[in-house]
Amino acid sequence: MLFYGAIGLLLLALHLWAIVQVVRSRSSPGMKALWIALLVLFPLLGVFNWFLMGPRAEASS
């Protein structure tokens, strides 16, 4: 039972992290709203898609 709780907390943390990253990104407000809607409506699919297709951080030199 503790294992499932830990998995749930991990998924919640990933979900919240993805939402924070969307808000902090340089995307347009419309794209941010679309990503947040995707994350809220489809949590696991949304987080997975954010990792694959979300904007990447710019490398600092």
Foldseek 3Di string as FASTA:
>chain_A
DVVVVVVVVVLVVLLVVLLVCLVPDPDDPVVSVVLNVCCVVPVVVSSVCCVVPNDDDDDDD
